[in-house]
Amino acid sequence: MSRISQLQELLKTEPGDSFLNYALALEYAGSRKKQEAIVLLEKLISADENYLAAYYQLAQFLEENKETEKARIVYAKGIEIARVQANTKTLSELQSALDNLE
């Protein structure tokens, strides 16, 4: 059973688990299913806006898809959340990525 299948099985019993959804999105991306990863990360952020790791990954995938404006918005929202959470490491990473876009 592939990791994607394993995660999908786990999500059947815990569909709202943010970590499992995030892990599945990364597996999709690693399997060249970037669009599925983007959709899943957008859904994850919509359901759990405080899941900070999703912002960086989503924005990176959007950048790769040449969706620069969307990536900029995602980075900015992630920066907001990182400030609220006082997560300076992630804040710095998100800010650096945003700065590199401009």
PDB file of N, CA and C in Angstrom:
ATOM      1  N   MET A   1       0.850  -1.178   0.000  1.00  0.00           N
ATOM      2  CA  MET A   1       0.000   0.000   0.000  1.00  0.00           C
ATOM      3  C   MET A   1       0.896   1.241   0.000  1.00  0.00           C
ATOM      4  N   SER A   2       0.634   2.165  -0.908  1.00  0.00           N
ATOM      5  CA  SER A   2       1.442   3.382  -1.006  1.00  0.00           C
ATOM      6  C   SER A   2       1.149   4.322   0.170  1.00  0.00           C
ATOM      7  N   ARG A   3       2.047   5.277   0.376  1.00  0.00           N
ATOM      8  CA  ARG A   3       1.825   6.259   1.453  1.00  0.00           C
ATOM      9  C   ARG A   3       0.556   7.067   1.206  1.00  0.00           C
ATOM     10  N   ILE A   4       0.306   7.371  -0.055  1.00  0.00           N
ATOM     11  CA  ILE A   4      -0.928   8.101  -0.385  1.00  0.00           C
ATOM     12  C   ILE A   4      -2.137   7.279   0.045  1.00  0.00           C
ATOM     13  N   SER A   5      -2.147   6.002  -0.294  1.00  0.00           N
ATOM     14  CA  SER A   5      -3.263   5.126   0.088  1.00  0.00           C
ATOM     15  C   SER A   5      -3.384   5.011   1.600  1.00  0.00           C
ATOM     16  N   GLN A   6      -2.258   4.886   2.279  1.00  0.00           N
ATOM     17  CA  GLN A   6      -2.275   4.786   3.741  1.00  0.00           C
ATOM     18  C   GLN A   6      -2.882   6.048   4.369  1.00  0.00           C
ATOM     19  N   LEU A   7      -2.455   7.198   3.877  1.00  0.00           N
ATOM     20  CA  LEU A   7      -2.978   8.459   4.416  1.00  0.00           C
ATOM     21  C   LEU A   7      -4.463   8.609   4.107  1.00  0.00           C
ATOM     22  N   GLN A   8      -4.867   8.226   2.918  1.00  0.00           N
ATOM     23  CA  GLN A   8      -6.281   8.287   2.557  1.00  0.00           C
ATOM     24  C   GLN A   8      -7.113   7.398   3.464  1.00  0.00           C
ATOM     25  N   GLU A   9      -6.592   6.228   3.792  1.00  0.00           N
ATOM     26  CA  GLU A   9      -7.292   5.324   4.707  1.00  0.00           C
ATOM     27  C   GLU A   9      -7.423   5.958   6.096  1.00  0.00           C
ATOM     28  N   LEU A  10      -6.339   6.529   6.593  1.00  0.00           N
ATOM     29  CA  LEU A  10      -6.383   7.187   7.909  1.00  0.00           C
ATOM     30  C   LEU A  10      -7.371   8.353   7.912  1.00  0.00           C
ATOM     31  N   LEU A  11      -7.435   9.069   6.800  1.00  0.00           N
ATOM     32  CA  LEU A  11      -8.338  10.221   6.711  1.00  0.00           C
ATOM     33  C   LEU A  11      -9.810   9.813   6.664  1.00  0.00           C
ATOM     34  N   LYS A  12     -10.084   8.573   6.329  1.00  0.00           N
ATOM     35  CA  LYS A  12     -11.471   8.104   6.348  1.00  0.00           C
ATOM     36  C   LYS A  12     -12.026   8.123   7.767  1.00  0.00           C
ATOM     37  N   THR A  13     -11.167   7.843   8.743  1.00  0.00           N
ATOM     38  CA  THR A  13     -11.622   7.838  10.136  1.00  0.00           C
ATOM     39  C   THR A  13     -11.381   9.183  10.820  1.00  0.00           C
ATOM     40  N   GLU A  14     -10.449   9.979  10.287  1.00  0.00           N
ATOM     41  CA  GLU A  14     -10.149  11.290  10.877  1.00  0.00           C
ATOM     42  C   GLU A  14     -10.032  12.342   9.775  1.00  0.00           C
ATOM     43  N   PRO A  15     -11.129  12.642   9.084  1.00  0.00           N
ATOM     44  CA  PRO A  15     -11.050  13.545   7.929  1.00  0.00           C
ATOM     45  C   PRO A  15     -10.608  14.973   8.267  1.00  0.00           C
ATOM     46  N   GLY A  16     -10.789  15.384   9.487  1.00  0.00           N
ATOM     47  CA  GLY A  16     -10.415  16.743   9.864  1.00  0.00           C
ATOM     48  C   GLY A  16      -9.029  16.860  10.451  1.00  0.00           C
ATOM     49  N   ASP A  17      -8.255  15.800  10.428  1.00  0.00           N
ATOM     50  CA  ASP A  17      -6.912  15.826  11.009  1.00  0.00           C
ATOM     51  C   ASP A  17      -5.987  16.664  10.122  1.00  0.00           C
ATOM     52  N   SER A  18      -5.570  17.802  10.639  1.00  0.00           N
ATOM     53  CA  SER A  18      -4.747  18.732   9.856  1.00  0.00           C
ATOM     54  C   SER A  18      -3.423  18.121   9.435  1.00  0.00           C
ATOM     55  N   PHE A  19      -2.764  17.418  10.350  1.00  0.00           N
ATOM     56  CA  PHE A  19      -1.475  16.826  10.004  1.00  0.00           C
ATOM     57  C   PHE A  19      -1.612  15.802   8.892  1.00  0.00           C
ATOM     58  N   LEU A  20      -2.625  14.946   8.974  1.00  0.00           N
ATOM     59  CA  LEU A  20      -2.813  13.935   7.935  1.00  0.00           C
ATOM     60  C   LEU A  20      -3.100  14.579   6.578  1.00  0.00           C
ATOM     61  N   ASN A  21      -3.904  15.623   6.568  1.00  0.00           N
ATOM     62  CA  ASN A  21      -4.189  16.331   5.320  1.00  0.00           C
ATOM     63  C   ASN A  21      -2.934  16.986   4.759  1.00  0.00           C
ATOM     64  N   TYR A  22      -2.133  17.571   5.648  1.00  0.00           N
ATOM     65  CA  TYR A  22      -0.874  18.195   5.233  1.00  0.00           C
ATOM     66  C   TYR A  22       0.076  17.140   4.658  1.00  0.00           C
ATOM     67  N   ALA A  23       0.201  16.020   5.347  1.00  0.00           N
ATOM     68  CA  ALA A  23       1.079  14.943   4.885  1.00  0.00           C
ATOM     69  C   ALA A  23       0.621  14.415   3.524  1.00  0.00           C
ATOM     70  N   LEU A  24      -0.682  14.280   3.339  1.00  0.00           N
ATOM     71  CA  LEU A  24      -1.205  13.809   2.060  1.00  0.00           C
ATOM     72  C   LEU A  24      -0.894  14.813   0.951  1.00  0.00           C
ATOM     73  N   ALA A  25      -1.034  16.086   1.238  1.00  0.00           N
ATOM     74  CA  ALA A  25      -0.714  17.117   0.242  1.00  0.00           C
ATOM     75  C   ALA A  25       0.753  17.015  -0.181  1.00  0.00           C
ATOM     76  N   LEU A  26       1.637  16.813   0.779  1.00  0.00           N
ATOM     77  CA  LEU A  26       3.063  16.677   0.448  1.00  0.00           C
ATOM     78  C   LEU A  26       3.330  15.417  -0.381  1.00  0.00           C
ATOM     79  N   GLU A  27       2.622  14.349  -0.066  1.00  0.00           N
ATOM     80  CA  GLU A  27       2.768  13.120  -0.858  1.00  0.00           C
ATOM     81  C   GLU A  27       2.267  13.339  -2.289  1.00  0.00           C
ATOM     82  N   TYR A  28       1.146  14.042  -2.427  1.00  0.00           N
ATOM     83  CA  TYR A  28       0.659  14.362  -3.770  1.00  0.00           C
ATOM     84  C   TYR A  28       1.715  15.144  -4.542  1.00  0.00           C
ATOM     85  N   ALA A  29       2.270  16.147  -3.903  1.00  0.00           N
ATOM     86  CA  ALA A  29       3.281  16.980  -4.567  1.00  0.00           C
ATOM     87  C   ALA A  29       4.486  16.136  -4.970  1.00  0.00           C
ATOM     88  N   GLY A  30       4.892  15.236  -4.096  1.00  0.00           N
ATOM     89  CA  GLY A  30       6.017  14.363  -4.392  1.00  0.00           C
ATOM     90  C   GLY A  30       5.735  13.366  -5.498  1.00  0.00           C
ATOM     91  N   SER A  31       4.465  13.146  -5.766  1.00  0.00           N
ATOM     92  CA  SER A  31       4.044  12.222  -6.829  1.00  0.00           C
ATOM     93  C   SER A  31       3.633  12.974  -8.092  1.00  0.00           C
ATOM     94  N   ARG A  32       4.072  14.199  -8.181  1.00  0.00           N
ATOM     95  CA  ARG A  32       3.769  15.059  -9.338  1.00  0.00           C
ATOM     96  C   ARG A  32       2.276  15.312  -9.515  1.00  0.00           C
ATOM     97  N   LYS A  33       1.590  15.395  -8.394  1.00  0.00           N
ATOM     98  CA  LYS A  33       0.161  15.734  -8.413  1.00  0.00           C
ATOM     99  C   LYS A  33       0.009  17.077  -7.701  1.00  0.00           C
ATOM    100  N   LYS A  34       0.683  18.088  -8.249  1.00  0.00           N
ATOM    101  CA  LYS A  34       0.732  19.408  -7.591  1.00  0.00           C
ATOM    102  C   LYS A  34      -0.651  20.035  -7.459  1.00  0.00           C
ATOM    103  N   GLN A  35      -1.489  19.870  -8.471  1.00  0.00           N
ATOM    104  CA  GLN A  35      -2.814  20.492  -8.392  1.00  0.00           C
ATOM    105  C   GLN A  35      -3.620  19.902  -7.248  1.00  0.00           C
ATOM    106  N   GLU A  36      -3.536  18.593  -7.057  1.00  0.00           N
ATOM    107  CA  GLU A  36      -4.230  17.958  -5.934  1.00  0.00           C
ATOM    108  C   GLU A  36      -3.668  18.472  -4.612  1.00  0.00           C
ATOM    109  N   ALA A  37      -2.355  18.670  -4.566  1.00  0.00           N
ATOM    110  CA  ALA A  37      -1.717  19.202  -3.359  1.00  0.00           C
ATOM    111  C   ALA A  37      -2.217  20.609  -3.063  1.00  0.00           C
ATOM    112  N   ILE A  38      -2.311  21.432  -4.085  1.00  0.00           N
ATOM    113  CA  ILE A  38      -2.788  22.812  -3.914  1.00  0.00           C
ATOM    114  C   ILE A  38      -4.216  22.819  -3.381  1.00  0.00           C
ATOM    115  N   VAL A  39      -5.071  22.034  -4.001  1.00  0.00           N
ATOM    116  CA  VAL A  39      -6.475  21.973  -3.577  1.00  0.00           C
ATOM    117  C   VAL A  39      -6.579  21.519  -2.122  1.00  0.00           C
ATOM    118  N   LEU A  40      -5.821  20.503  -1.768  1.00  0.00           N
ATOM    119  CA  LEU A  40      -5.866  19.971  -0.406  1.00  0.00           C
ATOM    120  C   LEU A  40      -5.339  20.988   0.607  1.00  0.00           C
ATOM    121  N   LEU A  41      -4.260  21.693   0.272  1.00  0.00           N
ATOM    122  CA  LEU A  41      -3.727  22.709   1.190  1.00  0.00           C
ATOM    123  C   LEU A  41      -4.686  23.886   1.341  1.00  0.00           C
ATOM    124  N   GLU A  42      -5.336  24.272   0.259  1.00  0.00           N
ATOM    125  CA  GLU A  42      -6.335  25.344   0.351  1.00  0.00           C
ATOM    126  C   GLU A  42      -7.485  24.924   1.264  1.00  0.00           C
ATOM    127  N   LYS A  43      -7.906  23.695   1.109  1.00  0.00           N
ATOM    128  CA  LYS A  43      -8.979  23.147   1.950  1.00  0.00           C
ATOM    129  C   LYS A  43      -8.533  23.085   3.413  1.00  0.00           C
ATOM    130  N   LEU A  44      -7.302  22.657   3.634  1.00  0.00           N
ATOM    131  CA  LEU A  44      -6.750  22.574   4.988  1.00  0.00           C
ATOM    132  C   LEU A  44      -6.735  23.943   5.651  1.00  0.00           C
ATOM    133  N   ILE A  45      -6.241  24.950   4.952  1.00  0.00           N
ATOM    134  CA  ILE A  45      -6.171  26.297   5.514  1.00  0.00           C
ATOM    135  C   ILE A  45      -7.570  26.836   5.788  1.00  0.00           C
ATOM    136  N   SER A  46      -8.490  26.499   4.918  1.00  0.00           N
ATOM    137  CA  SER A  46      -9.874  26.936   5.118  1.00  0.00           C
ATOM    138  C   SER A  46     -10.467  26.324   6.391  1.00  0.00           C
ATOM    139  N   ALA A  47     -10.123  25.059   6.645  1.00  0.00           N
ATOM    140  CA  ALA A  47     -10.654  24.361   7.823  1.00  0.00           C
ATOM    141  C   ALA A  47      -9.883  24.682   9.099  1.00  0.00           C
ATOM    142  N   ASP A  48      -8.583  24.950   8.958  1.00  0.00           N
ATOM    143  CA  ASP A  48      -7.722  25.188  10.124  1.00  0.00           C
ATOM    144  C   ASP A  48      -6.719  26.285   9.771  1.00  0.00           C
ATOM    145  N   GLU A  49      -7.175  27.524   9.862  1.00  0.00           N
ATOM    146  CA  GLU A  49      -6.330  28.638   9.418  1.00  0.00           C
ATOM    147  C   GLU A  49      -5.065  28.805  10.256  1.00  0.00           C
ATOM    148  N   ASN A  50      -4.983  28.156  11.390  1.00  0.00           N
ATOM    149  CA  ASN A  50      -3.789  28.261  12.229  1.00  0.00           C
ATOM    150  C   ASN A  50      -2.735  27.205  11.939  1.00  0.00           C
ATOM    151  N   TYR A  51      -2.965  26.334  10.957  1.00  0.00           N
ATOM    152  CA  TYR A  51      -1.978  25.304  10.607  1.00  0.00           C
ATOM    153  C   TYR A  51      -0.901  25.960   9.736  1.00  0.00           C
ATOM    154  N   LEU A  52       0.056  26.528  10.405  1.00  0.00           N
ATOM    155  CA  LEU A  52       1.037  27.429   9.808  1.00  0.00           C
ATOM    156  C   LEU A  52       1.881  26.803   8.699  1.00  0.00           C
ATOM    157  N   ALA A  53       2.276  25.564   8.846  1.00  0.00           N
ATOM    158  CA  ALA A  53       3.141  24.931   7.849  1.00  0.00           C
ATOM    159  C   ALA A  53       2.499  24.906   6.460  1.00  0.00           C
ATOM    160  N   ALA A  54       1.187  24.869   6.411  1.00  0.00           N
ATOM    161  CA  ALA A  54       0.494  24.782   5.130  1.00  0.00           C
ATOM    162  C   ALA A  54       0.685  26.034   4.277  1.00  0.00           C
ATOM    163  N   TYR A  55       0.856  27.182   4.905  1.00  0.00           N
ATOM    164  CA  TYR A  55       0.982  28.433   4.150  1.00  0.00           C
ATOM    165  C   TYR A  55       2.232  28.443   3.273  1.00  0.00           C
ATOM    166  N   TYR A  56       3.361  28.078   3.855  1.00  0.00           N
ATOM    167  CA  TYR A  56       4.611  28.091   3.098  1.00  0.00           C
ATOM    168  C   TYR A  56       4.535  27.118   1.923  1.00  0.00           C
ATOM    169  N   GLN A  57       4.089  25.904   2.186  1.00  0.00           N
ATOM    170  CA  GLN A  57       4.021  24.897   1.123  1.00  0.00           C
ATOM    171  C   GLN A  57       3.051  25.311   0.024  1.00  0.00           C
ATOM    172  N   LEU A  58       1.882  25.791   0.424  1.00  0.00           N
ATOM    173  CA  LEU A  58       0.901  26.214  -0.578  1.00  0.00           C
ATOM    174  C   LEU A  58       1.470  27.334  -1.442  1.00  0.00           C
ATOM    175  N   ALA A  59       2.066  28.323  -0.823  1.00  0.00           N
ATOM    176  CA  ALA A  59       2.624  29.436  -1.586  1.00  0.00           C
ATOM    177  C   ALA A  59       3.738  28.965  -2.519  1.00  0.00           C
ATOM    178  N   GLN A  60       4.560  28.033  -2.061  1.00  0.00           N
ATOM    179  CA  GLN A  60       5.619  27.487  -2.913  1.00  0.00           C
ATOM    180  C   GLN A  60       5.031  26.802  -4.146  1.00  0.00           C
ATOM    181  N   PHE A  61       4.005  25.996  -3.939  1.00  0.00           N
ATOM    182  CA  PHE A  61       3.379  25.298  -5.067  1.00  0.00           C
ATOM    183  C   PHE A  61       2.724  26.293  -6.025  1.00  0.00           C
ATOM    184  N   LEU A  62       2.119  27.338  -5.478  1.00  0.00           N
ATOM    185  CA  LEU A  62       1.516  28.369  -6.332  1.00  0.00           C
ATOM    186  C   LEU A  62       2.589  29.083  -7.147  1.00  0.00           C
ATOM    187  N   GLU A  63       3.717  29.372  -6.516  1.00  0.00           N
ATOM    188  CA  GLU A  63       4.839  29.982  -7.248  1.00  0.00           C
ATOM    189  C   GLU A  63       5.268  29.098  -8.408  1.00  0.00           C
ATOM    190  N   GLU A  64       5.409  27.812  -8.147  1.00  0.00           N
ATOM    191  CA  GLU A  64       5.816  26.871  -9.193  1.00  0.00           C
ATOM    192  C   GLU A  64       4.819  26.842 -10.340  1.00  0.00           C
ATOM    193  N   ASN A  65       3.554  27.116 -10.040  1.00  0.00           N
ATOM    194  CA  ASN A  65       2.501  27.165 -11.062  1.00  0.00           C
ATOM    195  C   ASN A  65       2.386  28.546 -11.702  1.00  0.00           C
ATOM    196  N   LYS A  66       3.323  29.432 -11.376  1.00  0.00           N
ATOM    197  CA  LYS A  66       3.326  30.806 -11.913  1.00  0.00           C
ATOM    198  C   LYS A  66       2.112  31.615 -11.458  1.00  0.00           C
ATOM    199  N   GLU A  67       1.579  31.264 -10.287  1.00  0.00           N
ATOM    200  CA  GLU A  67       0.450  32.000  -9.701  1.00  0.00           C
ATOM    201  C   GLU A  67       1.007  32.925  -8.614  1.00  0.00           C
ATOM    202  N   THR A  68       1.818  33.879  -9.054  1.00  0.00           N
ATOM    203  CA  THR A  68       2.583  34.726  -8.151  1.00  0.00           C
ATOM    204  C   THR A  68       1.701  35.561  -7.226  1.00  0.00           C
ATOM    205  N   GLU A  69       0.644  36.120  -7.753  1.00  0.00           N
ATOM    206  CA  GLU A  69      -0.209  36.964  -6.909  1.00  0.00           C
ATOM    207  C   GLU A  69      -0.886  36.155  -5.812  1.00  0.00           C
ATOM    208  N   LYS A  70      -1.354  34.974  -6.162  1.00  0.00           N
ATOM    209  CA  LYS A  70      -1.962  34.091  -5.152  1.00  0.00           C
ATOM    210  C   LYS A  70      -0.920  33.707  -4.105  1.00  0.00           C
ATOM    211  N   ALA A  71       0.292  33.404  -4.553  1.00  0.00           N
ATOM    212  CA  ALA A  71       1.373  33.038  -3.623  1.00  0.00           C
ATOM    213  C   ALA A  71       1.643  34.193  -2.666  1.00  0.00           C
ATOM    214  N   ARG A  72       1.672  35.393  -3.190  1.00  0.00           N
ATOM    215  CA  ARG A  72       1.912  36.586  -2.361  1.00  0.00           C
ATOM    216  C   ARG A  72       0.841  36.705  -1.268  1.00  0.00           C
ATOM    217  N   ILE A  73      -0.397  36.474  -1.616  1.00  0.00           N
ATOM    218  CA  ILE A  73      -1.503  36.560  -0.656  1.00  0.00           C
ATOM    219  C   ILE A  73      -1.356  35.486   0.424  1.00  0.00           C
ATOM    220  N   VAL A  74      -0.980  34.275   0.011  1.00  0.00           N
ATOM    221  CA  VAL A  74      -0.816  33.174   0.961  1.00  0.00           C
ATOM    222  C   VAL A  74       0.344  33.459   1.911  1.00  0.00           C
ATOM    223  N   TYR A  75       1.463  33.923   1.368  1.00  0.00           N
ATOM    224  CA  TYR A  75       2.595  34.283   2.242  1.00  0.00           C
ATOM    225  C   TYR A  75       2.173  35.345   3.256  1.00  0.00           C
ATOM    226  N   ALA A  76       1.482  36.371   2.790  1.00  0.00           N
ATOM    227  CA  ALA A  76       1.063  37.468   3.677  1.00  0.00           C
ATOM    228  C   ALA A  76       0.143  36.966   4.789  1.00  0.00           C
ATOM    229  N   LYS A  77      -0.786  36.094   4.453  1.00  0.00           N
ATOM    230  CA  LYS A  77      -1.696  35.536   5.464  1.00  0.00           C
ATOM    231  C   LYS A  77      -0.901  34.672   6.452  1.00  0.00           C
ATOM    232  N   GLY A  78       0.038  33.900   5.951  1.00  0.00           N
ATOM    233  CA  GLY A  78       0.887  33.092   6.823  1.00  0.00           C
ATOM    234  C   GLY A  78       1.705  33.952   7.771  1.00  0.00           C
ATOM    235  N   ILE A  79       2.193  35.064   7.275  1.00  0.00           N
ATOM    236  CA  ILE A  79       2.957  36.004   8.107  1.00  0.00           C
ATOM    237  C   ILE A  79       2.079  36.527   9.240  1.00  0.00           C
ATOM    238  N   GLU A  80       0.845  36.862   8.908  1.00  0.00           N
ATOM    239  CA  GLU A  80      -0.119  37.320   9.922  1.00  0.00           C
ATOM    240  C   GLU A  80      -0.293  36.272  11.026  1.00  0.00           C
ATOM    241  N   ILE A  81      -0.516  35.037  10.622  1.00  0.00           N
ATOM    242  CA  ILE A  81      -0.731  33.949  11.575  1.00  0.00           C
ATOM    243  C   ILE A  81       0.530  33.713  12.404  1.00  0.00           C
ATOM    244  N   ALA A  82       1.686  33.742  11.765  1.00  0.00           N
ATOM    245  CA  ALA A  82       2.950  33.536  12.485  1.00  0.00           C
ATOM    246  C   ALA A  82       3.165  34.614  13.540  1.00  0.00           C
ATOM    247  N   ARG A  83       2.786  35.843  13.224  1.00  0.00           N
ATOM    248  CA  ARG A  83       2.906  36.933  14.212  1.00  0.00           C
ATOM    249  C   ARG A  83       2.004  36.673  15.410  1.00  0.00           C
ATOM    250  N   VAL A  84       0.772  36.298  15.143  1.00  0.00           N
ATOM    251  CA  VAL A  84      -0.180  36.013  16.214  1.00  0.00           C
ATOM    252  C   VAL A  84       0.329  34.872  17.094  1.00  0.00           C
ATOM    253  N   GLN A  85       0.922  33.860  16.462  1.00  0.00           N
ATOM    254  CA  GLN A  85       1.429  32.704  17.193  1.00  0.00           C
ATOM    255  C   GLN A  85       2.816  32.962  17.799  1.00  0.00           C
ATOM    256  N   ALA A  86       3.386  34.117  17.504  1.00  0.00           N
ATOM    257  CA  ALA A  86       4.750  34.457  17.957  1.00  0.00           C
ATOM    258  C   ALA A  86       5.755  33.389  17.516  1.00  0.00           C
ATOM    259  N   ASN A  87       5.573  32.892  16.310  1.00  0.00           N
ATOM    260  CA  ASN A  87       6.463  31.877  15.745  1.00  0.00           C
ATOM    261  C   ASN A  87       7.487  32.592  14.863  1.00  0.00           C
ATOM    262  N   THR A  88       8.573  33.034  15.476  1.00  0.00           N
ATOM    263  CA  THR A  88       9.549  33.866  14.773  1.00  0.00           C
ATOM    264  C   THR A  88      10.285  33.125  13.655  1.00  0.00           C
ATOM    265  N   LYS A  89      10.534  31.849  13.834  1.00  0.00           N
ATOM    266  CA  LYS A  89      11.247  31.089  12.796  1.00  0.00           C
ATOM    267  C   LYS A  89      10.410  31.019  11.516  1.00  0.00           C
ATOM    268  N   THR A  90       9.166  30.630  11.648  1.00  0.00           N
ATOM    269  CA  THR A  90       8.301  30.532  10.472  1.00  0.00           C
ATOM    270  C   THR A  90       8.012  31.914   9.901  1.00  0.00           C
ATOM    271  N   LEU A  91       7.853  32.889  10.758  1.00  0.00           N
ATOM    272  CA  LEU A  91       7.646  34.263  10.307  1.00  0.00           C
ATOM    273  C   LEU A  91       8.806  34.697   9.415  1.00  0.00           C
ATOM    274  N   SER A  92      10.010  34.419   9.857  1.00  0.00           N
ATOM    275  CA  SER A  92      11.201  34.780   9.088  1.00  0.00           C
ATOM    276  C   SER A  92      11.234  34.058   7.741  1.00  0.00           C
ATOM    277  N   GLU A  93      10.904  32.777   7.722  1.00  0.00           N
ATOM    278  CA  GLU A  93      10.892  32.010   6.482  1.00  0.00           C
ATOM    279  C   GLU A  93       9.850  32.540   5.497  1.00  0.00           C
ATOM    280  N   LEU A  94       8.664  32.811   6.010  1.00  0.00           N
ATOM    281  CA  LEU A  94       7.591  33.333   5.155  1.00  0.00           C
ATOM    282  C   LEU A  94       7.944  34.720   4.628  1.00  0.00           C
ATOM    283  N   GLN A  95       8.499  35.572   5.484  1.00  0.00           N
ATOM    284  CA  GLN A  95       8.867  36.926   5.073  1.00  0.00           C
ATOM    285  C   GLN A  95       9.965  36.892   4.009  1.00  0.00           C
ATOM    286  N   SER A  96      10.932  36.034   4.203  1.00  0.00           N
ATOM    287  CA  SER A  96      12.020  35.890   3.240  1.00  0.00           C
ATOM    288  C   SER A  96      11.487  35.425   1.890  1.00  0.00           C
ATOM    289  N   ALA A  97      10.599  34.452   1.906  1.00  0.00           N
ATOM    290  CA  ALA A  97      10.016  33.950   0.657  1.00  0.00           C
ATOM    291  C   ALA A  97       9.210  35.050  -0.036  1.00  0.00           C
ATOM    292  N   LEU A  98       8.450  35.801   0.748  1.00  0.00           N
ATOM    293  CA  LEU A  98       7.670  36.902   0.177  1.00  0.00           C
ATOM    294  C   LEU A  98       8.591  37.962  -0.424  1.00  0.00           C
ATOM    295  N   ASP A  99       9.648  38.314   0.305  1.00  0.00           N
ATOM    296  CA  ASP A  99      10.610  39.307  -0.191  1.00  0.00           C
ATOM    297  C   ASP A  99      11.237  38.861  -1.503  1.00  0.00           C
ATOM    298  N   ASN A 100      11.501  37.578  -1.639  1.00  0.00           N
ATOM    299  CA  ASN A 100      12.103  37.060  -2.859  1.00  0.00           C
ATOM    300  C   ASN A 100      11.149  37.087  -4.041  1.00  0.00           C
ATOM    301  N   LEU A 101       9.858  37.164  -3.766  1.00  0.00           N
ATOM    302  CA  LEU A 101       8.865  37.274  -4.828  1.00  0.00           C
ATOM    303  C   LEU A 101       8.870  38.674  -5.452  1.00  0.00           C
ATOM    304  N   GLU A 102       9.178  39.650  -4.640  1.00  0.00           N
ATOM    305  CA  GLU A 102       9.050  41.051  -5.074  1.00  0.00           C
ATOM    306  C   GLU A 102      10.260  41.600  -5.756  1.00  0.00           C
TER     307      GLU A 102
END
